[in-house]
């Protein structure tokens, strides 16, 4: 089926290549500090064996497979972008990292909730490209290529210790938190300096398939994470 026509305003202008180490590099994606905030939950499933070393090493340790392929789901419980309400919207990301997370060169595909208004859609893309500054501003250094950004029906489920992300036939991922000594409390890495948040719940992929942008991935049985997020822009 032919792709739907995209209005020019649906597209976020970006630099396809940046140097993630040198802020003054002429190809670096420009940051436009903006007023925004997101509270909710992020969960992901990646290609690492249990448990992903990036959380403790802060992205300095190599992924267990030498590369990191992942999908991420962001459930925005409360949020806004320059006065536009983002509450209740879902976002999915396809992330392809060739080596250490902290070395950059990420390639990212973004799926924005089809219920988003035009301003919300553009705002979400600015937040997750790093262009809006604040908590996600580091993405201007880490993301070297945005391989696609589109509106989709992004379904997120959160039931007990299980989480799910469903985006048509492109991503179907389910994860489960790892049970700790106390059955009502999963294994948690706490008080970390990880970019997502200080407390990361360890999880594993149940069934997890990605089929988009030429990527065919399966993360069943692989490392997964769940994290409460409280992100904001640099402007009050």
Protein backbone atom coordinates (compact mmCIF):
# COMPACT_ATOMS: atom_id res chain seq x y z
CA UNK A 1 0.00 0.00 0.00
CA UNK A 2 1.39 3.41 -0.92
CA UNK A 3 2.66 5.58 1.91
CA UNK A 4 0.34 8.34 2.99
CA UNK A 5 1.23 11.81 1.78
CA UNK A 6 3.10 13.79 4.43
CA UNK A 7 2.55 17.48 4.79
CA UNK A 8 5.80 19.50 4.85
CA UNK A 9 5.03 20.56 8.40
CA UNK A 10 5.09 16.87 9.42
CA UNK A 11 8.79 16.70 8.72
CA UNK A 12 11.41 17.79 11.23
CA UNK A 13 14.41 19.40 9.52
CA UNK A 14 17.55 17.64 10.76
CA UNK A 15 21.22 17.23 9.94
CA UNK A 16 21.76 13.66 8.79
CA UNK A 17 25.30 13.50 10.16
CA UNK A 18 26.79 15.10 13.24
CA UNK A 19 29.97 14.81 15.27
CA UNK A 20 28.80 13.78 18.73
CA UNK A 21 32.04 14.84 20.39
CA UNK A 22 32.57 18.43 19.21
CA UNK A 23 29.80 20.88 20.04
CA UNK A 24 31.00 23.48 17.53
CA UNK A 25 31.10 21.07 14.59
CA UNK A 26 29.25 22.68 11.63
CA UNK A 27 27.09 19.58 11.01
CA UNK A 28 25.93 19.30 14.63
CA UNK A 29 22.16 19.42 14.94
CA UNK A 30 21.29 22.80 16.40
CA UNK A 31 19.59 23.00 19.77
CA UNK A 32 16.75 25.44 20.33
CA UNK A 33 16.19 25.44 24.12
CA UNK A 34 12.47 25.10 24.71
CA UNK A 35 9.91 24.85 27.51
CA UNK A 36 8.65 21.27 27.76
CA UNK A 37 8.15 18.44 30.27
CA UNK A 38 7.30 14.74 30.22
CA UNK A 39 6.39 12.42 33.09
CA UNK A 40 5.58 8.78 32.52
CA UNK A 41 7.41 5.56 31.78
CA UNK A 42 10.01 4.35 29.31
CA UNK A 43 10.65 0.68 28.67
CA UNK A 44 12.83 -1.07 26.13
CA UNK A 45 14.12 -4.37 24.86
CA UNK A 46 17.55 -4.66 23.28
CA UNK A 47 19.92 -7.20 21.73
CA UNK A 48 22.13 -7.56 24.84
CA UNK A 49 22.23 -10.69 26.93
CA UNK A 50 21.05 -10.22 30.51
CA UNK A 51 21.75 -7.60 31.82
CA UNK A 52 22.61 -4.67 29.53
CA UNK A 53 25.97 -3.20 30.69
CA UNK A 54 25.07 0.37 29.63
CA UNK A 55 23.11 1.12 32.80
CA UNK A 56 26.08 0.70 35.15
CA UNK A 57 28.83 1.83 32.76
CA UNK A 58 26.72 4.80 31.55
CA UNK A 59 27.23 3.70 27.97
CA UNK A 60 31.02 3.27 28.18
CA UNK A 61 31.06 -0.55 28.19
CA UNK A 62 30.52 -2.36 24.86
CA UNK A 63 27.12 -4.02 24.41
CA UNK A 64 27.29 -7.77 24.92
CA UNK A 65 26.89 -8.40 21.17
CA UNK A 66 29.22 -5.58 20.14
CA UNK A 67 26.27 -3.51 18.91
CA UNK A 68 22.97 -2.44 20.41
CA UNK A 69 19.72 -2.91 18.53
CA UNK A 70 16.62 -1.89 20.46
CA UNK A 71 13.06 -0.69 20.51
CA UNK A 72 11.87 1.81 23.09
CA UNK A 73 8.37 2.72 24.24
CA UNK A 74 7.49 5.98 25.98
CA UNK A 75 4.11 6.35 27.69
CA UNK A 76 3.54 10.05 28.43
CA UNK A 77 1.26 10.20 31.47
CA UNK A 78 1.66 13.96 31.86
CA UNK A 79 3.43 16.37 29.57
CA UNK A 80 3.45 19.51 27.49
CA UNK A 81 5.47 21.24 24.79
CA UNK A 82 5.30 25.04 24.64
CA UNK A 83 1.81 24.95 26.14
CA UNK A 84 0.56 22.05 23.98
CA UNK A 85 -0.73 19.11 26.02
CA UNK A 86 1.12 15.80 25.44
CA UNK A 87 -0.64 13.84 28.18
CA UNK A 88 -1.80 10.36 27.19
CA UNK A 89 0.30 10.15 24.02
CA UNK A 90 2.59 7.22 23.17
CA UNK A 91 5.91 7.20 21.32
CA UNK A 92 7.91 4.31 19.90
CA UNK A 93 11.56 4.36 18.83
CA UNK A 94 13.68 1.98 16.78
CA UNK A 95 17.32 2.42 17.80
CA UNK A 96 20.40 1.06 16.00
CA UNK A 97 23.72 1.70 17.79
CA UNK A 98 26.89 0.29 16.16
CA UNK A 99 29.03 0.08 19.32
CA UNK A 100 29.27 1.66 22.74
CA UNK A 101 26.19 3.72 23.55
CA UNK A 102 28.30 6.64 24.76
CA UNK A 103 30.21 6.88 21.47
CA UNK A 104 27.11 7.91 19.53
CA UNK A 105 26.37 7.23 15.87
CA UNK A 106 22.84 6.15 16.80
CA UNK A 107 20.36 5.65 13.97
CA UNK A 108 16.80 6.21 15.09
CA UNK A 109 13.31 5.75 13.67
CA UNK A 110 10.44 7.50 15.49
CA UNK A 111 6.76 6.53 15.65
CA UNK A 112 4.51 9.25 17.07
CA UNK A 113 0.98 8.61 18.31
CA UNK A 114 -1.52 9.24 15.52
CA UNK A 115 -3.70 11.10 18.04
CA UNK A 116 -1.09 13.87 18.41
CA UNK A 117 -1.96 17.34 17.13
CA UNK A 118 0.41 18.87 14.59
CA UNK A 119 2.11 20.96 17.29
CA UNK A 120 2.39 17.95 19.61
CA UNK A 121 3.81 15.83 16.77
CA UNK A 122 6.45 18.42 15.90
CA UNK A 123 7.22 18.99 19.59
CA UNK A 124 7.73 15.28 20.29
CA UNK A 125 10.14 15.02 17.36
CA UNK A 126 12.08 18.01 18.65
CA UNK A 127 12.25 16.49 22.12
CA UNK A 128 13.46 13.10 20.93
CA UNK A 129 15.94 14.52 18.43
CA UNK A 130 17.45 16.58 21.25
CA UNK A 131 16.66 19.83 19.47
CA UNK A 132 14.44 21.05 22.34
CA UNK A 133 17.32 20.78 24.83
CA UNK A 134 16.99 19.75 28.46
CA UNK A 135 17.05 16.10 29.52
CA UNK A 136 17.16 14.76 25.95
CA UNK A 137 19.58 17.40 24.68
CA UNK A 138 22.35 14.77 24.70
CA UNK A 139 20.65 13.19 21.66
CA UNK A 140 22.11 15.99 19.52
CA UNK A 141 25.47 14.36 20.22
CA UNK A 142 24.43 10.70 20.18
CA UNK A 143 22.00 10.50 17.24
CA UNK A 144 23.81 10.76 13.90
CA UNK A 145 20.88 9.85 11.66
CA UNK A 146 17.10 9.92 11.97
CA UNK A 147 16.09 7.25 9.47
CA UNK A 148 12.40 8.09 9.63
CA UNK A 149 9.62 9.79 11.59
CA UNK A 150 5.93 9.04 11.10
CA UNK A 151 2.51 9.04 12.66
CA UNK A 152 1.33 5.58 13.70
CA UNK A 153 -1.08 3.83 15.99
CA UNK A 154 1.30 3.26 18.91
CA UNK A 155 -0.24 0.90 21.46
CA UNK A 156 1.33 0.50 24.89
CA UNK A 157 0.17 -1.92 27.57
CA UNK A 158 1.20 -1.86 31.23
CA UNK A 159 -0.21 -4.67 33.32
CA UNK A 160 1.50 -5.74 36.55
CA UNK A 161 5.10 -6.71 35.79
CA UNK A 162 4.50 -6.91 32.03
CA UNK A 163 4.82 -4.24 29.36
CA UNK A 164 4.02 -4.27 25.66
CA UNK A 165 4.58 -2.12 22.58
CA UNK A 166 2.63 -2.71 19.37
CA UNK A 167 3.03 -0.68 16.17
CA UNK A 168 1.17 -2.40 13.35
CA UNK A 169 3.35 -5.09 11.79
CA UNK A 170 6.50 -3.09 12.48
CA UNK A 171 7.10 -3.69 16.19
CA UNK A 172 5.51 -6.25 18.49
CA UNK A 173 7.35 -6.34 21.78
CA UNK A 174 6.52 -7.76 25.18
CA UNK A 175 8.75 -7.74 28.26
CA UNK A 176 8.47 -8.86 31.88
CA UNK A 177 10.20 -7.49 34.97
CA UNK A 178 12.57 -9.93 36.68
CA UNK A 179 11.26 -11.20 39.98
CA UNK A 180 13.39 -10.39 43.03
CA UNK A 181 13.72 -12.13 46.38
CA UNK A 182 10.41 -10.54 47.36
CA UNK A 183 7.85 -11.54 44.75
CA UNK A 184 6.11 -8.18 44.90
CA UNK A 185 9.32 -6.25 44.21
CA UNK A 186 11.30 -6.76 40.95
CA UNK A 187 15.07 -6.44 40.62
CA UNK A 188 16.03 -2.74 40.51
CA UNK A 189 19.27 -0.90 39.79
CA UNK A 190 18.86 2.15 42.03
CA UNK A 191 20.58 5.50 42.44
CA UNK A 192 22.31 5.30 39.06
CA UNK A 193 23.43 8.22 36.88
CA UNK A 194 21.85 6.65 33.80
CA UNK A 195 20.39 9.17 31.35
CA UNK A 196 16.85 7.76 31.54
CA UNK A 197 16.53 8.01 35.31
CA UNK A 198 18.16 6.85 38.56
CA UNK A 199 16.10 3.68 39.11
CA UNK A 200 16.08 1.03 36.37
CA UNK A 201 13.96 -2.11 36.69
CA UNK A 202 15.62 -5.17 35.15
CA UNK A 203 13.42 -7.13 32.73
CA UNK A 204 13.64 -9.64 29.90
CA UNK A 205 12.03 -9.88 26.49
CA UNK A 206 9.18 -12.36 26.11
CA UNK A 207 8.32 -12.09 22.43
CA UNK A 208 9.87 -9.19 20.65
CA UNK A 209 10.04 -8.62 16.90
CA UNK A 210 11.01 -5.61 14.79
CA UNK A 211 10.38 -5.46 11.03
CA UNK A 212 11.02 -1.98 9.59
CA UNK A 213 13.61 0.21 7.86
CA UNK A 214 15.39 -2.91 6.60
CA UNK A 215 15.86 -4.19 10.15
CA UNK A 216 14.65 -7.67 11.09
CA UNK A 217 15.26 -8.19 14.80
CA UNK A 218 14.08 -10.58 17.51
CA UNK A 219 14.85 -9.79 21.16
CA UNK A 220 12.99 -12.66 22.83
CA UNK A 221 14.87 -13.67 25.99
CA UNK A 222 17.16 -10.64 25.73
CA UNK A 223 17.78 -7.76 28.14
CA UNK A 224 15.00 -5.26 28.86
CA UNK A 225 14.51 -2.27 31.15
CA UNK A 226 11.67 -0.26 32.68
CA UNK A 227 12.15 3.25 34.04
CA UNK A 228 9.91 5.99 35.41
CA UNK A 229 10.81 9.22 33.65
CA UNK A 230 10.59 12.86 34.70
CA UNK A 231 12.20 14.85 31.90
CA UNK A 232 12.06 18.54 31.17
CA UNK A 233 13.38 21.28 28.95
CA UNK A 234 15.91 23.94 29.94
CA UNK A 235 13.35 26.75 30.10
CA UNK A 236 11.06 27.03 33.17
